[in-house]
C-alpha atoms as a PDB file:
ATOM      1  CA  MET A   1     -12.604 -92.945  -5.917  1.00  0.00           C
ATOM      2  CA  ASN A   2     -11.851 -94.372  -2.304  1.00  0.00           C
ATOM      3  CA  ASN A   3      -8.761 -92.450  -2.326  1.00  0.00           C
ATOM      4  CA  SER A   4      -9.945 -89.188  -3.069  1.00  0.00           C
ATOM      5  CA  ARG A   5     -12.969 -89.430  -0.713  1.00  0.00           C
ATOM      6  CA  ARG A   6     -10.313 -90.394   2.087  1.00  0.00           C
ATOM      7  CA  GLN A   7      -8.115 -87.367   1.090  1.00  0.00           C
ATOM      8  CA  PHE A   8     -11.117 -85.193   1.201  1.00  0.00           C
ATOM      9  CA  PHE A   9     -11.824 -86.274   4.577  1.00  0.00           C
ATOM     10  CA  LYS A  10      -8.172 -85.610   5.614  1.00  0.00           C
ATOM     11  CA  GLN A  11      -8.053 -82.265   4.088  1.00  0.00           C
ATOM     12  CA  ALA A  12     -11.209 -81.363   5.856  1.00  0.00           C
ATOM     13  CA  LEU A  13      -9.939 -82.390   9.378  1.00  0.00           C
ATOM     14  CA  GLY A  14      -6.793 -80.543   8.872  1.00  0.00           C
ATOM     15  CA  VAL A  15      -8.852 -77.381   7.929  1.00  0.00           C
ATOM     16  CA  VAL A  16     -10.997 -77.717  10.975  1.00  0.00           C
ATOM     17  CA  GLY A  17      -8.253 -78.157  13.159  1.00  0.00           C
ATOM     18  CA  ALA A  18      -6.607 -75.082  11.906  1.00  0.00           C
ATOM     19  CA  VAL A  19      -9.723 -73.117  12.560  1.00  0.00           C
ATOM     20  CA  VAL A  20     -10.234 -74.503  16.081  1.00  0.00           C
ATOM     21  CA  ALA A  21      -6.378 -73.803  16.722  1.00  0.00           C
ATOM     22  CA  ALA A  22      -5.857 -70.436  15.410  1.00  0.00           C
ATOM     23  CA  PRO A  23      -7.101 -68.135  18.476  1.00  0.00           C
ATOM     24  CA  THR A  24      -4.905 -70.085  20.603  1.00  0.00           C
ATOM     25  CA  LEU A  25      -1.705 -69.650  18.473  1.00  0.00           C
ATOM     26  CA  LEU A  26      -2.448 -66.145  17.569  1.00  0.00           C
ATOM     27  CA  LYS A  27      -2.607 -65.261  21.616  1.00  0.00           C
ATOM     28  CA  VAL A  28       0.586 -67.265  22.172  1.00  0.00           C
ATOM     29  CA  LEU A  29       2.382 -65.737  19.107  1.00  0.00           C
ATOM     30  CA  LEU A  30       0.927 -62.279  18.849  1.00  0.00           C
ATOM     31  CA  PRO A  31       0.061 -61.247  22.180  1.00  0.00           C
ATOM     32  CA  SER A  32      -0.380 -57.565  21.222  1.00  0.00           C
ATOM     33  CA  VAL A  33      -2.961 -58.530  18.658  1.00  0.00           C
ATOM     34  CA  ALA A  34      -4.877 -60.579  21.054  1.00  0.00           C
ATOM     35  CA  GLN A  35      -4.838 -57.963  23.593  1.00  0.00           C
ATOM     36  CA  ALA A  36      -5.799 -55.060  21.392  1.00  0.00           C
ATOM     37  CA  GLN A  37      -9.059 -57.397  20.655  1.00  0.00           C
ATOM     38  CA  GLY A  38      -9.873 -57.101  24.266  1.00  0.00           C
ATOM     39  CA  ALA A  39      -9.984 -54.079  26.949  1.00  0.00           C
ATOM     40  CA  LEU A  40      -6.434 -52.269  27.442  1.00  0.00           C
ATOM     41  CA  THR A  41      -5.029 -53.399  30.900  1.00  0.00           C
ATOM     42  CA  PHE A  42      -2.991 -51.264  33.101  1.00  0.00           C
ATOM     43  CA  VAL A  43       0.972 -51.405  33.298  1.00  0.00           C
ATOM     44  CA  GLU A  44       1.967 -53.454  36.176  1.00  0.00           C
ATOM     45  CA  PRO A  45       4.743 -51.506  38.140  1.00  0.00           C
ATOM     46  CA  GLY A  46       7.770 -53.914  38.631  1.00  0.00           C
ATOM     47  CA  LYS A  47       7.070 -56.216  35.895  1.00  0.00           C
ATOM     48  CA  GLY A  48       8.852 -56.449  32.333  1.00  0.00           C
ATOM     49  CA  MET A  49       9.437 -52.940  30.512  1.00  0.00           C
ATOM     50  CA  ALA A  50       7.868 -51.242  33.766  1.00  0.00           C
ATOM     51  CA  ALA A  51      10.716 -52.609  35.846  1.00  0.00           C
ATOM     52  CA  SER A  52      13.254 -51.625  33.368  1.00  0.00           C
ATOM     53  CA  VAL A  53      12.379 -47.950  33.371  1.00  0.00           C
ATOM     54  CA  GLY A  54      11.088 -47.969  36.877  1.00  0.00           C
ATOM     55  CA  TYR A  55       7.557 -47.003  36.242  1.00  0.00           C
ATOM     56  CA  VAL A  56       5.296 -46.698  39.318  1.00  0.00           C
ATOM     57  CA  ASP A  57       1.445 -45.566  39.108  1.00  0.00           C
ATOM     58  CA  ASP A  58       1.780 -43.351  41.824  1.00  0.00           C
ATOM     59  CA  LYS A  59       4.741 -40.730  41.584  1.00  0.00           C
ATOM     60  CA  LYS A  60       4.920 -40.517  45.496  1.00  0.00           C
ATOM     61  CA  LYS A  61       6.042 -44.185  45.336  1.00  0.00           C
ATOM     62  CA  LEU A  62       9.186 -43.450  43.115  1.00  0.00           C
ATOM     63  CA  ASP A  63      12.541 -44.145  45.081  1.00  0.00           C
ATOM     64  CA  LYS A  64      13.952 -40.567  46.265  1.00  0.00           C
ATOM     65  CA  LYS A  65      17.054 -41.456  43.988  1.00  0.00           C
ATOM     66  CA  ASP A  66      14.888 -40.897  41.050  1.00  0.00           C
ATOM     67  CA  GLN A  67      12.924 -37.811  41.947  1.00  0.00           C
ATOM     68  CA  ILE A  68      15.342 -35.344  40.032  1.00  0.00           C
ATOM     69  CA  GLU A  69      14.964 -32.313  37.996  1.00  0.00           C
ATOM     70  CA  ARG A  70      14.480 -33.411  34.182  1.00  0.00           C
ATOM     71  CA  ALA A  71      15.041 -30.995  31.052  1.00  0.00           C
ATOM     72  CA  GLY A  72      14.743 -28.244  33.435  1.00  0.00           C
ATOM     73  CA  VAL A  73      11.396 -29.390  34.952  1.00  0.00           C
ATOM     74  CA  LYS A  74      11.357 -29.671  38.675  1.00  0.00           C
ATOM     75  CA  PHE A  75      10.310 -32.986  40.090  1.00  0.00           C
ATOM     76  CA  ALA A  76       7.165 -32.004  41.446  1.00  0.00           C
ATOM     77  CA  ASN A  77       5.998 -30.881  37.835  1.00  0.00           C
ATOM     78  CA  GLN A  78       6.695 -34.498  36.249  1.00  0.00           C
ATOM     79  CA  LYS A  79       4.158 -37.015  35.881  1.00  0.00           C
ATOM     80  CA  CYS A  80       2.787 -39.307  33.072  1.00  0.00           C
ATOM     81  CA  SER A  81       0.091 -36.673  31.972  1.00  0.00           C
ATOM     82  CA  THR A  82       3.114 -34.172  31.444  1.00  0.00           C
ATOM     83  CA  CYS A  83       5.311 -36.525  29.677  1.00  0.00           C
ATOM     84  CA  ALA A  84       5.846 -36.164  25.901  1.00  0.00           C
ATOM     85  CA  LEU A  85       5.435 -40.193  25.583  1.00  0.00           C
ATOM     86  CA  PHE A  86       1.795 -39.771  26.991  1.00  0.00           C
ATOM     87  CA  THR A  87      -1.349 -39.779  25.022  1.00  0.00           C
ATOM     88  CA  LYS A  88      -5.009 -39.116  26.944  1.00  0.00           C
ATOM     89  CA  ASP A  89      -6.999 -42.184  26.484  1.00  0.00           C
ATOM     90  CA  THR A  90     -10.399 -40.984  25.068  1.00  0.00           C
ATOM     91  CA  SER A  91     -12.581 -43.100  27.284  1.00  0.00           C
ATOM     92  CA  SER A  92     -11.224 -42.475  30.633  1.00  0.00           C
ATOM     93  CA  VAL A  93      -8.711 -39.977  32.627  1.00  0.00           C
ATOM     94  CA  ASN A  94      -5.937 -42.651  32.237  1.00  0.00           C
ATOM     95  CA  GLY A  95      -3.758 -42.619  29.074  1.00  0.00           C
ATOM     96  CA  LYS A  96      -1.464 -44.575  26.939  1.00  0.00           C
ATOM     97  CA  CYS A  97       2.566 -44.343  26.980  1.00  0.00           C
ATOM     98  CA  ALA A  98       4.523 -44.878  23.692  1.00  0.00           C
ATOM     99  CA  LEU A  99       6.723 -47.221  26.057  1.00  0.00           C
ATOM    100  CA  PHE A 100       4.151 -49.688  26.767  1.00  0.00           C
ATOM    101  CA  PRO A 101       1.862 -50.103  23.631  1.00  0.00           C
ATOM    102  CA  ASN A 102      -1.582 -51.520  24.135  1.00  0.00           C
ATOM    103  CA  GLN A 103      -1.324 -50.522  27.895  1.00  0.00           C
ATOM    104  CA  LEU A 104      -2.825 -48.009  30.183  1.00  0.00           C
ATOM    105  CA  VAL A 105      -0.914 -45.846  32.479  1.00  0.00           C
ATOM    106  CA  LYS A 106      -2.186 -43.862  35.358  1.00  0.00           C
ATOM    107  CA  PRO A 107      -1.856 -39.992  34.959  1.00  0.00           C
ATOM    108  CA  ASP A 108      -0.084 -39.449  38.155  1.00  0.00           C
ATOM    109  CA  GLY A 109       2.261 -42.304  37.455  1.00  0.00           C
ATOM    110  CA  ILE A 110       5.999 -41.447  36.434  1.00  0.00           C
ATOM    111  CA  CYS A 111       9.178 -43.617  35.252  1.00  0.00           C
ATOM    112  CA  ARG A 112      12.716 -42.643  34.877  1.00  0.00           C
ATOM    113  CA  SER A 113      11.889 -42.121  31.080  1.00  0.00           C
ATOM    114  CA  TRP A 114       9.758 -39.194  31.520  1.00  0.00           C
ATOM    115  CA  ALA A 115      10.319 -36.612  28.940  1.00  0.00           C
ATOM    116  CA  LYS A 116       9.253 -32.959  28.555  1.00  0.00           C
ATOM    117  CA  LYS A 117       6.611 -32.046  26.247  1.00  0.00           C
ATOM    118  CA  PRO A 118       7.790 -29.831  23.147  1.00  0.00           C
ATOM    119  CA  ASN A 119       6.458 -26.340  23.538  1.00  0.00           C
END
């Protein structure tokens, strides 16, 4: 009987430890799930994927060499809000981009991945 009581407390302690550690493990292992539970954050220009595609939150900040006509659309008419990858966020004027899941982009931002919306 002493062994079963000892075994019960060992298992109970293991379960309590797992429950306490689960939120931290989720944040480390599944950052997109943890972020989805909280408020969406803005994409940070110059970091991670944003740096790879040259995202800027204001198209006036884009390098001159990247200010080019794409898909027959003049640069003046290109911005996140006119891109095929952009979806307007229902709670604000900002939006979401397919390149940056669970993050927001500014409608006047732009990157080198801008794509013309289909007609």
